[in-house]
């Protein structure tokens, strides 16, 4: 078996109404090694945090039988109660979400749980919200450390954490083997206005911190729904940086476009990315 890399498919590559089992089958059929499981603001996916032990066992067993592990887990539901909110009750709710997320990750076999790099979402970031984020961060990391789940902070589209260097700086506030960076090369490229050289240099500053990478294309001001190879991401140079950093875990962050054959497109993306990863 080759241990060079594992390439996953983001489950939102397929429509929301496609059952999870079919998404797992599609991931394997389209040429991916794992499926990135998601708990977000979608009501059905958010309810996964309260799955019964029988439900958890069912999906863990099916994952093993199909050979499609839930290696990574996106907890973007935390956008609803980000750690920088000044409301203490919402801070406690955030901790409960992280705790439930960790327990679900353990039950499903996920090793890395992604959270977006926001202090607040859909409201202004201020010195007070940033201070509250850093006040709450140690407890969030300690919850993950308790369960043995890596908390991966993603560089996002907001100034608080736009680059991999920004995410590394957040990690430096709470030194822990269970707090690392889940990088996003599309967001990274937008942060540097498409300057591939600066992106490459910034990515290398994540050496020792970056545990996974989202692979997607982007354009200035457009962070999602950009066809691979039609944006301004330099995939060759980004993958080169990833290899130099020793990153082996990747996810194609595909967002479903129901106006086309989404299964076929997912397969095309897998082939496109493996062209760079296998080079």
Protein backbone atom coordinates (compact mmCIF):
# COMPACT_ATOMS: atom_id res chain seq x y z
CA UNK A 1 0.00 0.00 0.00
CA UNK A 2 1.20 3.50 -0.82
CA UNK A 3 1.13 5.98 2.05
CA UNK A 4 1.86 9.05 -0.08
CA UNK A 5 -1.49 10.75 0.45
CA UNK A 6 -5.23 10.34 1.00
CA UNK A 7 -7.69 12.41 -1.04
CA UNK A 8 -11.18 12.92 0.33
CA UNK A 9 -14.43 14.27 -1.08
CA UNK A 10 -16.39 16.96 0.77
CA UNK A 11 -19.88 15.58 1.26
CA UNK A 12 -21.45 18.81 -0.05
CA UNK A 13 -20.16 17.82 -3.49
CA UNK A 14 -23.54 16.09 -3.75
CA UNK A 15 -27.03 17.54 -3.11
CA UNK A 16 -28.30 17.76 0.45
CA UNK A 17 -31.12 15.31 -0.24
CA UNK A 18 -28.76 12.52 -1.32
CA UNK A 19 -28.57 10.00 1.57
CA UNK A 20 -25.25 9.72 3.37
CA UNK A 21 -24.80 6.12 2.26
CA UNK A 22 -25.09 7.15 -1.38
CA UNK A 23 -22.54 9.92 -0.82
CA UNK A 24 -20.13 7.35 0.59
CA UNK A 25 -20.66 5.12 -2.43
CA UNK A 26 -20.18 8.09 -4.78
CA UNK A 27 -16.95 9.09 -3.06
CA UNK A 28 -15.46 5.66 -3.71
CA UNK A 29 -16.87 5.40 -7.24
CA UNK A 30 -15.55 8.87 -8.15
CA UNK A 31 -12.02 7.97 -7.08
CA UNK A 32 -11.70 9.36 -3.56
CA UNK A 33 -10.17 7.68 -0.52
CA UNK A 34 -12.41 9.12 2.20
CA UNK A 35 -15.46 11.31 2.75
CA UNK A 36 -15.32 14.54 4.74
CA UNK A 37 -18.32 14.32 7.05
CA UNK A 38 -20.09 17.61 7.80
CA UNK A 39 -22.13 19.00 10.69
CA UNK A 40 -23.31 22.50 9.78
CA UNK A 41 -26.31 24.83 9.81
CA UNK A 42 -28.33 22.39 7.72
CA UNK A 43 -30.95 21.04 10.15
CA UNK A 44 -30.50 17.39 9.20
CA UNK A 45 -26.71 17.50 9.39
CA UNK A 46 -26.77 19.44 12.68
CA UNK A 47 -28.97 16.69 14.15
CA UNK A 48 -26.13 14.20 13.64
CA UNK A 49 -24.61 15.44 16.89
CA UNK A 50 -27.49 13.72 18.69
CA UNK A 51 -27.37 10.41 16.85
CA UNK A 52 -28.04 7.41 19.04
CA UNK A 53 -25.34 4.84 19.76
CA UNK A 54 -27.07 2.47 17.30
CA UNK A 55 -26.98 5.08 14.53
CA UNK A 56 -23.32 5.78 15.18
CA UNK A 57 -22.48 2.10 15.10
CA UNK A 58 -24.44 1.67 11.85
CA UNK A 59 -22.44 4.36 10.05
CA UNK A 60 -19.13 3.26 11.51
CA UNK A 61 -19.79 -0.31 10.35
CA UNK A 62 -20.93 0.81 6.88
CA UNK A 63 -17.84 3.00 6.58
CA UNK A 64 -15.63 -0.01 7.29
CA UNK A 65 -17.55 -2.30 4.94
CA UNK A 66 -17.42 0.20 2.07
CA UNK A 67 -13.83 1.20 2.69
CA UNK A 68 -14.81 4.88 2.87
CA UNK A 69 -13.60 6.28 6.20
CA UNK A 70 -14.83 9.55 7.69
CA UNK A 71 -11.21 10.60 8.17
CA UNK A 72 -11.99 14.31 8.49
CA UNK A 73 -15.00 16.03 9.99
CA UNK A 74 -16.13 19.61 9.30
CA UNK A 75 -17.85 21.19 12.32
CA UNK A 76 -18.95 24.36 10.54
CA UNK A 77 -22.04 24.42 12.77
CA UNK A 78 -19.79 26.40 15.11
CA UNK A 79 -20.44 29.42 12.87
CA UNK A 80 -23.69 29.70 14.81
CA UNK A 81 -21.87 30.17 18.12
CA UNK A 82 -18.26 31.17 17.33
CA UNK A 83 -15.87 31.43 20.25
CA UNK A 84 -15.58 35.21 20.12
CA UNK A 85 -19.22 35.97 20.92
CA UNK A 86 -19.59 38.12 24.03
CA UNK A 87 -22.70 36.28 25.23
CA UNK A 88 -21.52 33.80 27.91
CA UNK A 89 -24.47 31.48 27.33
CA UNK A 90 -23.52 31.19 23.66
CA UNK A 91 -19.94 30.45 24.69
CA UNK A 92 -21.21 27.54 26.76
CA UNK A 93 -23.28 26.36 23.80
CA UNK A 94 -20.13 26.45 21.67
CA UNK A 95 -18.35 24.20 24.17
CA UNK A 96 -21.29 21.78 24.12
CA UNK A 97 -21.16 21.67 20.30
CA UNK A 98 -17.42 20.97 20.38
CA UNK A 99 -17.90 18.27 23.02
CA UNK A 100 -20.66 16.58 21.01
CA UNK A 101 -18.60 16.93 17.86
CA UNK A 102 -15.63 15.22 19.48
CA UNK A 103 -17.72 12.35 20.76
CA UNK A 104 -19.26 11.86 17.32
CA UNK A 105 -15.83 12.04 15.70
CA UNK A 106 -14.55 9.32 18.04
CA UNK A 107 -17.55 7.11 17.34
CA UNK A 108 -17.20 7.50 13.57
CA UNK A 109 -13.42 7.15 13.50
CA UNK A 110 -12.68 10.74 12.44
CA UNK A 111 -9.29 12.03 13.50
CA UNK A 112 -9.41 15.70 12.50
CA UNK A 113 -12.30 18.07 13.23
CA UNK A 114 -12.30 21.32 11.27
CA UNK A 115 -13.57 24.63 12.64
CA UNK A 116 -13.57 27.86 10.65
CA UNK A 117 -11.12 30.60 11.61
CA UNK A 118 -13.64 33.13 12.87
CA UNK A 119 -13.88 34.99 16.15
CA UNK A 120 -17.40 36.03 15.13
CA UNK A 121 -19.52 35.40 12.05
CA UNK A 122 -21.96 37.83 10.38
CA UNK A 123 -21.11 40.60 12.85
CA UNK A 124 -18.13 42.94 13.24
CA UNK A 125 -14.89 41.60 14.69
CA UNK A 126 -13.69 43.90 17.47
CA UNK A 127 -10.88 43.91 20.04
CA UNK A 128 -13.45 42.57 22.53
CA UNK A 129 -14.56 39.65 20.32
CA UNK A 130 -10.95 38.73 19.59
CA UNK A 131 -10.13 38.84 23.30
CA UNK A 132 -13.11 36.59 24.06
CA UNK A 133 -11.99 34.15 21.36
CA UNK A 134 -8.56 33.81 22.97
CA UNK A 135 -10.15 33.49 26.39
CA UNK A 136 -12.34 30.61 25.19
CA UNK A 137 -9.81 28.91 22.94
CA UNK A 138 -7.91 26.95 25.66
CA UNK A 139 -11.09 25.24 26.82
CA UNK A 140 -12.06 24.35 23.23
CA UNK A 141 -8.62 22.80 22.69
CA UNK A 142 -8.73 20.97 26.02
CA UNK A 143 -12.05 19.35 25.08
CA UNK A 144 -10.52 18.01 21.87
CA UNK A 145 -7.35 16.90 23.66
CA UNK A 146 -9.46 14.99 26.20
CA UNK A 147 -11.09 12.98 23.41
CA UNK A 148 -7.89 12.66 21.37
CA UNK A 149 -9.35 14.53 18.39
CA UNK A 150 -7.24 17.05 16.48
CA UNK A 151 -8.92 20.46 16.25
CA UNK A 152 -8.02 21.92 12.85
CA UNK A 153 -8.46 25.68 12.49
CA UNK A 154 -9.11 26.72 8.88
CA UNK A 155 -7.86 29.92 7.31
CA UNK A 156 -11.10 31.51 6.14
CA UNK A 157 -12.31 34.56 4.21
CA UNK A 158 -12.28 37.08 7.07
CA UNK A 159 -9.32 39.20 8.27
CA UNK A 160 -9.21 37.41 11.64
CA UNK A 161 -7.63 34.32 10.05
CA UNK A 162 -7.13 34.60 6.29
CA UNK A 163 -3.76 32.90 5.83
CA UNK A 164 -1.96 29.81 7.04
CA UNK A 165 0.41 32.09 8.95
CA UNK A 166 -2.62 33.60 10.71
CA UNK A 167 -3.80 30.11 11.66
CA UNK A 168 -0.34 29.15 12.92
CA UNK A 169 -0.34 32.28 15.09
CA UNK A 170 -3.64 31.16 16.63
CA UNK A 171 -2.11 27.77 17.39
CA UNK A 172 0.81 29.46 19.14
CA UNK A 173 -1.60 30.83 21.77
CA UNK A 174 -2.48 27.32 22.96
CA UNK A 175 0.45 24.96 22.34
CA UNK A 176 -1.03 21.49 21.97
CA UNK A 177 -0.54 18.49 19.70
CA UNK A 178 -4.33 18.51 19.38
CA UNK A 179 -4.56 22.04 17.95
CA UNK A 180 -3.38 22.31 14.38
CA UNK A 181 -4.12 24.01 11.05
CA UNK A 182 -6.56 22.72 8.44
CA UNK A 183 -5.40 24.85 5.52
CA UNK A 184 -7.44 25.98 2.52
CA UNK A 185 -5.49 26.80 -0.65
CA UNK A 186 -8.40 28.66 -2.27
CA UNK A 187 -8.77 31.00 0.68
CA UNK A 188 -4.98 31.28 0.91
CA UNK A 189 -4.70 32.33 -2.73
CA UNK A 190 -7.40 34.96 -2.30
CA UNK A 191 -5.58 36.35 0.74
CA UNK A 192 -2.54 37.01 -1.46
CA UNK A 193 -4.49 38.24 -4.52
CA UNK A 194 -3.40 35.27 -6.60
CA UNK A 195 0.34 35.78 -6.04
CA UNK A 196 1.51 32.16 -6.24
CA UNK A 197 4.98 32.96 -4.90
CA UNK A 198 3.66 34.58 -1.74
CA UNK A 199 1.14 31.74 -1.29
CA UNK A 200 3.97 29.19 -1.52
CA UNK A 201 6.12 31.04 1.00
CA UNK A 202 3.23 31.48 3.42
CA UNK A 203 2.23 27.83 3.19
CA UNK A 204 5.74 26.73 4.13
CA UNK A 205 5.42 28.73 7.35
CA UNK A 206 2.83 26.16 8.36
CA UNK A 207 5.40 23.36 8.47
CA UNK A 208 4.77 21.28 11.58
CA UNK A 209 1.30 22.80 12.01
CA UNK A 210 -0.69 21.95 8.86
CA UNK A 211 -2.38 18.59 9.32
CA UNK A 212 -4.76 18.68 6.32
CA UNK A 213 -5.48 20.83 3.29
CA UNK A 214 -8.69 21.74 1.51
CA UNK A 215 -8.02 21.78 -2.23
CA UNK A 216 -10.28 24.11 -4.17
CA UNK A 217 -10.05 26.89 -6.76
CA UNK A 218 -11.09 30.50 -6.20
CA UNK A 219 -11.11 33.97 -7.70
CA UNK A 220 -10.82 37.39 -6.02
CA UNK A 221 -13.89 37.74 -3.79
CA UNK A 222 -15.21 34.31 -4.83
CA UNK A 223 -14.45 31.54 -2.36
CA UNK A 224 -16.83 28.79 -3.49
CA UNK A 225 -18.36 27.31 -6.63
CA UNK A 226 -15.29 27.95 -8.78
CA UNK A 227 -14.55 25.21 -11.27
CA UNK A 228 -11.18 23.55 -10.73
CA UNK A 229 -8.56 24.87 -13.11
CA UNK A 230 -10.60 27.97 -13.98
CA UNK A 231 -9.60 30.16 -11.03
CA UNK A 232 -6.30 31.62 -9.92
CA UNK A 233 -5.01 28.87 -7.61
CA UNK A 234 -1.62 27.50 -8.66
CA UNK A 235 -2.25 23.85 -7.80
CA UNK A 236 1.22 22.72 -8.83
CA UNK A 237 2.95 25.11 -6.48
CA UNK A 238 0.48 24.56 -3.63
CA UNK A 239 0.88 20.79 -3.84
CA UNK A 240 4.66 21.24 -3.98
CA UNK A 241 4.47 23.24 -0.72
CA UNK A 242 2.23 20.59 0.83
CA UNK A 243 4.70 17.83 0.00
CA UNK A 244 7.59 19.85 1.41
CA UNK A 245 5.60 20.34 4.62
CA UNK A 246 4.92 16.61 4.87
CA UNK A 247 1.13 16.91 4.46
CA UNK A 248 -0.52 13.63 3.41
CA UNK A 249 -4.20 14.37 4.01
CA UNK A 250 -6.27 16.34 1.48
CA UNK A 251 -9.94 17.00 0.79
CA UNK A 252 -11.45 18.28 -2.46
CA UNK A 253 -13.83 20.95 -1.17
CA UNK A 254 -16.38 20.65 -3.96
CA UNK A 255 -19.69 22.48 -3.68
CA UNK A 256 -22.59 20.89 -5.55
CA UNK A 257 -23.95 22.51 -8.70
CA UNK A 258 -27.18 20.66 -9.50
CA UNK A 259 -27.31 22.16 -12.99
CA UNK A 260 -24.76 19.55 -14.12
CA UNK A 261 -23.92 15.90 -13.52
CA UNK A 262 -22.40 16.32 -10.06
CA UNK A 263 -21.17 12.72 -9.84
CA UNK A 264 -19.33 13.04 -13.11
CA UNK A 265 -17.85 16.37 -12.05
CA UNK A 266 -16.63 14.93 -8.74
CA UNK A 267 -14.84 12.22 -10.69
CA UNK A 268 -13.26 14.84 -12.95
CA UNK A 269 -12.05 16.76 -9.89
CA UNK A 270 -10.49 13.62 -8.41
CA UNK A 271 -8.63 13.01 -11.66
CA UNK A 272 -7.59 16.68 -11.88
CA UNK A 273 -6.17 16.75 -8.35
CA UNK A 274 -4.45 13.37 -8.56
CA UNK A 275 -2.63 14.70 -11.60
CA UNK A 276 -0.84 17.12 -9.26
CA UNK A 277 -0.63 14.86 -6.21
CA UNK A 278 0.89 12.00 -8.23
CA UNK A 279 3.38 14.21 -10.08
